[in-house]
PDB file of N, CA and C in Angstrom:
ATOM      1  N   UNK A   1      -5.279 -17.460 -28.276  1.00  0.00           N
ATOM      2  CA  UNK A   1      -5.118 -16.321 -26.873  1.00  0.00           C
ATOM      3  C   UNK A   1      -4.695 -15.249 -27.601  1.00  0.00           C
ATOM      4  N   UNK A   2      -5.451 -13.843 -26.776  1.00  0.00           N
ATOM      5  CA  UNK A   2      -5.142 -12.608 -27.365  1.00  0.00           C
ATOM      6  C   UNK A   2      -4.266 -11.873 -26.140  1.00  0.00           C
ATOM      7  N   UNK A   3      -3.341 -11.568 -26.694  1.00  0.00           N
ATOM      8  CA  UNK A   3      -2.358 -10.611 -25.696  1.00  0.00           C
ATOM      9  C   UNK A   3      -2.477  -9.226 -26.088  1.00  0.00           C
ATOM     10  N   UNK A   4      -2.288  -8.336 -24.574  1.00  0.00           N
ATOM     11  CA  UNK A   4      -2.379  -6.888 -24.921  1.00  0.00           C
ATOM     12  C   UNK A   4      -0.977  -6.451 -24.775  1.00  0.00           C
ATOM     13  N   UNK A   5      -0.380  -5.840 -25.344  1.00  0.00           N
ATOM     14  CA  UNK A   5       1.225  -5.453 -25.096  1.00  0.00           C
ATOM     15  C   UNK A   5       1.281  -3.822 -25.054  1.00  0.00           C
ATOM     16  N   UNK A   6       1.235  -3.505 -23.772  1.00  0.00           N
ATOM     17  CA  UNK A   6       1.124  -1.668 -24.121  1.00  0.00           C
ATOM     18  C   UNK A   6       2.392  -1.381 -24.252  1.00  0.00           C
ATOM     19  N   UNK A   7       2.734  -0.516 -24.953  1.00  0.00           N
ATOM     20  CA  UNK A   7       4.050   0.298 -25.233  1.00  0.00           C
ATOM     21  C   UNK A   7       4.173   1.105 -24.154  1.00  0.00           C
ATOM     22  N   UNK A   8       5.758   1.338 -24.045  1.00  0.00           N
ATOM     23  CA  UNK A   8       6.339   2.252 -23.113  1.00  0.00           C
ATOM     24  C   UNK A   8       5.838   3.343 -22.819  1.00  0.00           C
ATOM     25  N   UNK A   9       5.480   4.079 -23.767  1.00  0.00           N
ATOM     26  CA  UNK A   9       4.647   5.226 -23.460  1.00  0.00           C
ATOM     27  C   UNK A   9       3.264   4.875 -22.791  1.00  0.00           C
ATOM     28  N   UNK A  10       2.592   3.960 -23.240  1.00  0.00           N
ATOM     29  CA  UNK A  10       1.142   3.693 -22.507  1.00  0.00           C
ATOM     30  C   UNK A  10       1.272   3.312 -21.159  1.00  0.00           C
ATOM     31  N   UNK A  11       2.442   3.081 -20.599  1.00  0.00           N
ATOM     32  CA  UNK A  11       2.633   2.456 -19.110  1.00  0.00           C
ATOM     33  C   UNK A  11       3.182   3.722 -18.489  1.00  0.00           C
ATOM     34  N   UNK A  12       3.911   4.807 -18.807  1.00  0.00           N
ATOM     35  CA  UNK A  12       4.210   5.544 -18.183  1.00  0.00           C
ATOM     36  C   UNK A  12       3.342   6.743 -17.482  1.00  0.00           C
ATOM     37  N   UNK A  13       3.677   7.282 -16.575  1.00  0.00           N
ATOM     38  CA  UNK A  13       2.659   8.196 -15.975  1.00  0.00           C
ATOM     39  C   UNK A  13       2.983   9.332 -16.244  1.00  0.00           C
ATOM     40  N   UNK A  14       1.655  10.155 -16.832  1.00  0.00           N
ATOM     41  CA  UNK A  14       2.186  11.567 -17.384  1.00  0.00           C
ATOM     42  C   UNK A  14       1.978  12.635 -16.012  1.00  0.00           C
ATOM     43  N   UNK A  15       1.884  13.849 -16.037  1.00  0.00           N
ATOM     44  CA  UNK A  15       2.009  14.889 -15.379  1.00  0.00           C
ATOM     45  C   UNK A  15       0.656  14.755 -14.687  1.00  0.00           C
ATOM     46  N   UNK A  16      -0.373  14.656 -15.626  1.00  0.00           N
ATOM     47  CA  UNK A  16      -1.763  14.583 -15.074  1.00  0.00           C
ATOM     48  C   UNK A  16      -2.233  13.548 -14.267  1.00  0.00           C
ATOM     49  N   UNK A  17      -1.548  12.325 -14.134  1.00  0.00           N
ATOM     50  CA  UNK A  17      -1.797  10.974 -13.550  1.00  0.00           C
ATOM     51  C   UNK A  17      -1.185  11.588 -11.969  1.00  0.00           C
ATOM     52  N   UNK A  18      -0.094  11.659 -12.402  1.00  0.00           N
ATOM     53  CA  UNK A  18       0.490  12.253 -10.964  1.00  0.00           C
ATOM     54  C   UNK A  18      -0.109  13.250 -10.243  1.00  0.00           C
ATOM     55  N   UNK A  19      -0.692  14.489 -10.845  1.00  0.00           N
ATOM     56  CA  UNK A  19      -1.367  15.558 -10.111  1.00  0.00           C
ATOM     57  C   UNK A  19      -2.448  14.950  -9.349  1.00  0.00           C
ATOM     58  N   UNK A  20      -3.180  13.592 -10.441  1.00  0.00           N
ATOM     59  CA  UNK A  20      -4.683  13.104  -9.888  1.00  0.00           C
ATOM     60  C   UNK A  20      -4.329  12.428  -8.593  1.00  0.00           C
ATOM     61  N   UNK A  21      -3.326  11.833  -8.388  1.00  0.00           N
ATOM     62  CA  UNK A  21      -2.677  10.890  -7.278  1.00  0.00           C
ATOM     63  C   UNK A  21      -2.274  12.019  -6.235  1.00  0.00           C
ATOM     64  N   UNK A  22      -1.759  12.687  -6.451  1.00  0.00           N
ATOM     65  CA  UNK A  22      -1.293  13.942  -5.110  1.00  0.00           C
ATOM     66  C   UNK A  22      -2.362  14.382  -4.528  1.00  0.00           C
ATOM     67  N   UNK A  23      -3.807  14.593  -5.703  1.00  0.00           N
ATOM     68  CA  UNK A  23      -5.116  15.044  -5.031  1.00  0.00           C
ATOM     69  C   UNK A  23      -5.641  14.285  -4.173  1.00  0.00           C
ATOM     70  N   UNK A  24      -5.530  13.049  -4.959  1.00  0.00           N
ATOM     71  CA  UNK A  24      -6.417  11.980  -3.962  1.00  0.00           C
ATOM     72  C   UNK A  24      -5.854  11.715  -2.641  1.00  0.00           C
ATOM     73  N   UNK A  25      -4.281  11.443  -2.622  1.00  0.00           N
ATOM     74  CA  UNK A  25      -3.821  11.249  -1.331  1.00  0.00           C
ATOM     75  C   UNK A  25      -3.791  12.330  -0.542  1.00  0.00           C
ATOM     76  N   UNK A  26      -3.952  13.838  -0.767  1.00  0.00           N
ATOM     77  CA  UNK A  26      -4.392  14.750  -0.101  1.00  0.00           C
ATOM     78  C   UNK A  26      -5.831  14.876   0.579  1.00  0.00           C
ATOM     79  N   UNK A  27      -6.629  14.296  -0.178  1.00  0.00           N
ATOM     80  CA  UNK A  27      -7.973  14.529   0.298  1.00  0.00           C
ATOM     81  C   UNK A  27      -8.341  13.039   1.096  1.00  0.00           C
ATOM     82  N   UNK A  28      -7.179  12.486   1.075  1.00  0.00           N
ATOM     83  CA  UNK A  28      -7.329  10.809   1.916  1.00  0.00           C
ATOM     84  C   UNK A  28      -6.417  11.075   3.214  1.00  0.00           C
ATOM     85  N   UNK A  29      -5.448  12.295   3.444  1.00  0.00           N
ATOM     86  CA  UNK A  29      -5.228  12.720   4.154  1.00  0.00           C
ATOM     87  C   UNK A  29      -6.407  13.551   5.445  1.00  0.00           C
ATOM     88  N   UNK A  30      -6.972  14.519   5.012  1.00  0.00           N
ATOM     89  CA  UNK A  30      -8.283  15.225   4.748  1.00  0.00           C
ATOM     90  C   UNK A  30      -9.121  14.343   5.856  1.00  0.00           C
ATOM     91  N   UNK A  31      -9.546  13.489   4.664  1.00  0.00           N
ATOM     92  CA  UNK A  31     -10.800  12.504   5.425  1.00  0.00           C
ATOM     93  C   UNK A  31     -10.176  11.807   6.671  1.00  0.00           C
ATOM     94  N   UNK A  32      -8.424  10.818   6.526  1.00  0.00           N
ATOM     95  CA  UNK A  32      -8.171  10.130   7.993  1.00  0.00           C
ATOM     96  C   UNK A  32      -7.957  11.404   9.157  1.00  0.00           C
ATOM     97  N   UNK A  33      -7.890  12.624   8.710  1.00  0.00           N
ATOM     98  CA  UNK A  33      -7.980  13.203  10.010  1.00  0.00           C
ATOM     99  C   UNK A  33      -9.176  13.546  10.595  1.00  0.00           C
ATOM    100  N   UNK A  34     -10.275  13.569   9.593  1.00  0.00           N
ATOM    101  CA  UNK A  34     -11.305  13.952  10.002  1.00  0.00           C
ATOM    102  C   UNK A  34     -11.826  12.724  10.887  1.00  0.00           C
ATOM    103  N   UNK A  35     -11.703  11.419  10.693  1.00  0.00           N
ATOM    104  CA  UNK A  35     -11.924  10.477  11.133  1.00  0.00           C
ATOM    105  C   UNK A  35     -11.288   9.700  12.677  1.00  0.00           C
ATOM    106  N   UNK A  36      -9.755  10.195  12.526  1.00  0.00           N
ATOM    107  CA  UNK A  36      -9.103  10.116  13.723  1.00  0.00           C
ATOM    108  C   UNK A  36      -9.535  11.084  14.806  1.00  0.00           C
ATOM    109  N   UNK A  37      -9.897  12.174  14.626  1.00  0.00           N
ATOM    110  CA  UNK A  37     -10.215  13.188  15.714  1.00  0.00           C
ATOM    111  C   UNK A  37     -11.113  12.567  16.609  1.00  0.00           C
ATOM    112  N   UNK A  38     -12.118  12.149  16.200  1.00  0.00           N
ATOM    113  CA  UNK A  38     -13.303  11.311  17.021  1.00  0.00           C
ATOM    114  C   UNK A  38     -12.718  10.228  17.898  1.00  0.00           C
ATOM    115  N   UNK A  39     -11.829   9.640  17.153  1.00  0.00           N
ATOM    116  CA  UNK A  39     -11.077   8.024  18.058  1.00  0.00           C
ATOM    117  C   UNK A  39     -10.233   8.653  19.073  1.00  0.00           C
ATOM    118  N   UNK A  40      -9.525   9.713  18.645  1.00  0.00           N
ATOM    119  CA  UNK A  40      -8.168  10.386  19.738  1.00  0.00           C
ATOM    120  C   UNK A  40      -9.324  11.173  20.975  1.00  0.00           C
ATOM    121  N   UNK A  41     -10.548  11.517  20.850  1.00  0.00           N
ATOM    122  CA  UNK A  41     -11.172  12.036  22.072  1.00  0.00           C
ATOM    123  C   UNK A  41     -11.825  10.872  22.751  1.00  0.00           C
ATOM    124  N   UNK A  42     -11.906   9.763  22.302  1.00  0.00           N
ATOM    125  CA  UNK A  42     -12.543   8.365  22.813  1.00  0.00           C
ATOM    126  C   UNK A  42     -11.294   7.767  23.316  1.00  0.00           C
ATOM    127  N   UNK A  43     -10.392   8.162  23.552  1.00  0.00           N
ATOM    128  CA  UNK A  43      -8.939   7.609  24.132  1.00  0.00           C
ATOM    129  C   UNK A  43      -8.828   5.542  23.435  1.00  0.00           C
ATOM    130  N   UNK A  44      -9.091   5.705  22.094  1.00  0.00           N
ATOM    131  CA  UNK A  44      -8.949   4.450  21.268  1.00  0.00           C
ATOM    132  C   UNK A  44      -7.017   4.139  21.197  1.00  0.00           C
ATOM    133  N   UNK A  45      -6.918   3.057  20.840  1.00  0.00           N
ATOM    134  CA  UNK A  45      -5.513   2.696  21.071  1.00  0.00           C
ATOM    135  C   UNK A  45      -4.944   3.025  19.942  1.00  0.00           C
ATOM    136  N   UNK A  46      -3.685   3.643  19.897  1.00  0.00           N
ATOM    137  CA  UNK A  46      -2.974   4.244  18.712  1.00  0.00           C
ATOM    138  C   UNK A  46      -2.759   3.287  17.685  1.00  0.00           C
ATOM    139  N   UNK A  47      -2.977   1.683  17.676  1.00  0.00           N
ATOM    140  CA  UNK A  47      -3.001   1.196  16.348  1.00  0.00           C
ATOM    141  C   UNK A  47      -4.214   1.258  15.493  1.00  0.00           C
ATOM    142  N   UNK A  48      -5.204   1.548  16.356  1.00  0.00           N
ATOM    143  CA  UNK A  48      -6.577   1.785  15.706  1.00  0.00           C
ATOM    144  C   UNK A  48      -6.705   3.224  14.868  1.00  0.00           C
ATOM    145  N   UNK A  49      -5.874   4.371  15.911  1.00  0.00           N
ATOM    146  CA  UNK A  49      -6.042   5.266  15.237  1.00  0.00           C
ATOM    147  C   UNK A  49      -4.956   5.371  14.127  1.00  0.00           C
ATOM    148  N   UNK A  50      -3.916   4.915  14.079  1.00  0.00           N
ATOM    149  CA  UNK A  50      -2.838   4.611  12.875  1.00  0.00           C
ATOM    150  C   UNK A  50      -3.381   3.800  11.542  1.00  0.00           C
ATOM    151  N   UNK A  51      -4.146   3.076  11.776  1.00  0.00           N
ATOM    152  CA  UNK A  51      -4.846   2.063  11.188  1.00  0.00           C
ATOM    153  C   UNK A  51      -6.100   2.647  10.046  1.00  0.00           C
ATOM    154  N   UNK A  52      -6.665   3.582  10.782  1.00  0.00           N
ATOM    155  CA  UNK A  52      -7.927   4.223  10.623  1.00  0.00           C
ATOM    156  C   UNK A  52      -7.110   5.059   9.519  1.00  0.00           C
ATOM    157  N   UNK A  53      -6.161   5.956   9.844  1.00  0.00           N
ATOM    158  CA  UNK A  53      -5.713   7.282   9.101  1.00  0.00           C
ATOM    159  C   UNK A  53      -5.076   6.597   7.762  1.00  0.00           C
ATOM    160  N   UNK A  54      -4.448   5.542   7.848  1.00  0.00           N
ATOM    161  CA  UNK A  54      -3.489   5.020   6.647  1.00  0.00           C
ATOM    162  C   UNK A  54      -4.787   4.527   5.976  1.00  0.00           C
ATOM    163  N   UNK A  55      -5.499   3.598   6.466  1.00  0.00           N
ATOM    164  CA  UNK A  55      -6.512   3.037   5.398  1.00  0.00           C
ATOM    165  C   UNK A  55      -7.170   4.173   4.517  1.00  0.00           C
ATOM    166  N   UNK A  56      -7.461   5.600   5.265  1.00  0.00           N
ATOM    167  CA  UNK A  56      -8.158   6.671   4.440  1.00  0.00           C
ATOM    168  C   UNK A  56      -6.700   7.190   3.450  1.00  0.00           C
ATOM    169  N   UNK A  57      -5.563   7.074   3.638  1.00  0.00           N
ATOM    170  CA  UNK A  57      -4.549   7.319   2.627  1.00  0.00           C
ATOM    171  C   UNK A  57      -4.708   6.724   1.627  1.00  0.00           C
ATOM    172  N   UNK A  58      -4.642   5.099   1.985  1.00  0.00           N
ATOM    173  CA  UNK A  58      -4.601   4.223   0.562  1.00  0.00           C
ATOM    174  C   UNK A  58      -5.708   4.459  -0.022  1.00  0.00           C
ATOM    175  N   UNK A  59      -7.081   4.497   0.526  1.00  0.00           N
ATOM    176  CA  UNK A  59      -8.495   4.806  -0.354  1.00  0.00           C
ATOM    177  C   UNK A  59      -8.424   5.971  -1.155  1.00  0.00           C
ATOM    178  N   UNK A  60      -7.638   6.957  -0.733  1.00  0.00           N
ATOM    179  CA  UNK A  60      -7.532   8.297  -1.636  1.00  0.00           C
ATOM    180  C   UNK A  60      -6.766   7.814  -2.947  1.00  0.00           C
ATOM    181  N   UNK A  61      -5.682   7.127  -2.531  1.00  0.00           N
ATOM    182  CA  UNK A  61      -4.944   7.083  -3.499  1.00  0.00           C
ATOM    183  C   UNK A  61      -5.488   5.815  -4.734  1.00  0.00           C
ATOM    184  N   UNK A  62      -5.804   5.028  -4.311  1.00  0.00           N
ATOM    185  CA  UNK A  62      -6.596   3.930  -4.777  1.00  0.00           C
ATOM    186  C   UNK A  62      -7.566   4.725  -5.790  1.00  0.00           C
ATOM    187  N   UNK A  63      -8.998   5.734  -5.146  1.00  0.00           N
ATOM    188  CA  UNK A  63      -9.367   6.207  -6.048  1.00  0.00           C
ATOM    189  C   UNK A  63      -8.994   7.506  -6.934  1.00  0.00           C
ATOM    190  N   UNK A  64      -7.850   7.722  -6.608  1.00  0.00           N
ATOM    191  CA  UNK A  64      -7.243   8.552  -8.231  1.00  0.00           C
ATOM    192  C   UNK A  64      -6.336   7.811  -8.908  1.00  0.00           C
ATOM    193  N   UNK A  65      -6.277   6.475  -8.548  1.00  0.00           N
ATOM    194  CA  UNK A  65      -5.180   6.009  -9.374  1.00  0.00           C
ATOM    195  C   UNK A  65      -5.966   4.898 -10.469  1.00  0.00           C
ATOM    196  N   UNK A  66      -6.897   4.481  -9.748  1.00  0.00           N
ATOM    197  CA  UNK A  66      -7.924   3.452 -10.717  1.00  0.00           C
ATOM    198  C   UNK A  66      -8.678   4.149 -11.691  1.00  0.00           C
ATOM    199  N   UNK A  67      -8.354   3.753 -13.166  1.00  0.00           N
ATOM    200  CA  UNK A  67      -9.453   4.324 -14.282  1.00  0.00           C
ATOM    201  C   UNK A  67      -9.899   2.951 -14.412  1.00  0.00           C
ATOM    202  N   UNK A  68     -11.059   3.194 -14.348  1.00  0.00           N
ATOM    203  CA  UNK A  68     -12.293   2.121 -14.737  1.00  0.00           C
ATOM    204  C   UNK A  68     -12.642   2.571 -16.363  1.00  0.00           C
ATOM    205  N   UNK A  69     -12.178   1.459 -17.231  1.00  0.00           N
ATOM    206  CA  UNK A  69     -12.967   1.457 -18.510  1.00  0.00           C
ATOM    207  C   UNK A  69     -14.137   0.763 -18.591  1.00  0.00           C
ATOM    208  N   UNK A  70     -15.050   1.556 -18.470  1.00  0.00           N
ATOM    209  CA  UNK A  70     -16.475   1.114 -18.455  1.00  0.00           C
ATOM    210  C   UNK A  70     -17.066   1.206 -19.898  1.00  0.00           C
ATOM    211  N   UNK A  71     -17.427   0.313 -20.199  1.00  0.00           N
ATOM    212  CA  UNK A  71     -17.981   0.385 -21.641  1.00  0.00           C
ATOM    213  C   UNK A  71     -19.808   1.307 -21.495  1.00  0.00           C
ATOM    214  N   UNK A  72     -19.729   2.386 -22.194  1.00  0.00           N
ATOM    215  CA  UNK A  72     -20.472   3.515 -22.143  1.00  0.00           C
ATOM    216  C   UNK A  72     -21.979   2.826 -22.141  1.00  0.00           C
ATOM    217  N   UNK A  73     -22.231   1.786 -22.943  1.00  0.00           N
ATOM    218  CA  UNK A  73     -23.724   1.350 -23.166  1.00  0.00           C
ATOM    219  C   UNK A  73     -23.941   0.496 -21.857  1.00  0.00           C
ATOM    220  N   UNK A  74     -23.442   0.201 -20.946  1.00  0.00           N
ATOM    221  CA  UNK A  74     -23.629  -0.205 -19.524  1.00  0.00           C
ATOM    222  C   UNK A  74     -24.186   0.937 -18.825  1.00  0.00           C
ATOM    223  N   UNK A  75     -23.406   2.209 -19.025  1.00  0.00           N
ATOM    224  CA  UNK A  75     -23.701   3.228 -17.871  1.00  0.00           C
ATOM    225  C   UNK A  75     -24.750   3.975 -18.142  1.00  0.00           C
ATOM    226  N   UNK A  76     -25.288   3.829 -19.107  1.00  0.00           N
ATOM    227  CA  UNK A  76     -26.693   4.637 -19.365  1.00  0.00           C
ATOM    228  C   UNK A  76     -27.620   3.482 -19.314  1.00  0.00           C
ATOM    229  N   UNK A  77     -27.705   2.488 -18.521  1.00  0.00           N
ATOM    230  CA  UNK A  77     -28.426   1.454 -18.024  1.00  0.00           C
ATOM    231  C   UNK A  77     -29.112   1.921 -16.933  1.00  0.00           C
TER     232      UNK A  77
END
């Protein structure tokens, strides 16, 4: 069985990662506002508005935080 043990240095967030996450959350907030404005105009319930807004914030965070290490041989296919 192969185990990968990352050092403490590998597990720490550096300033670049934090900046990426902040930008991702910012764009998630912008997308959430764009999505919620028509929902407010349609007089939808507040729980629907809050859930849609929260979804965009989480999506922005996930897109910024996840780093997919894709093998380059599969990218060129």
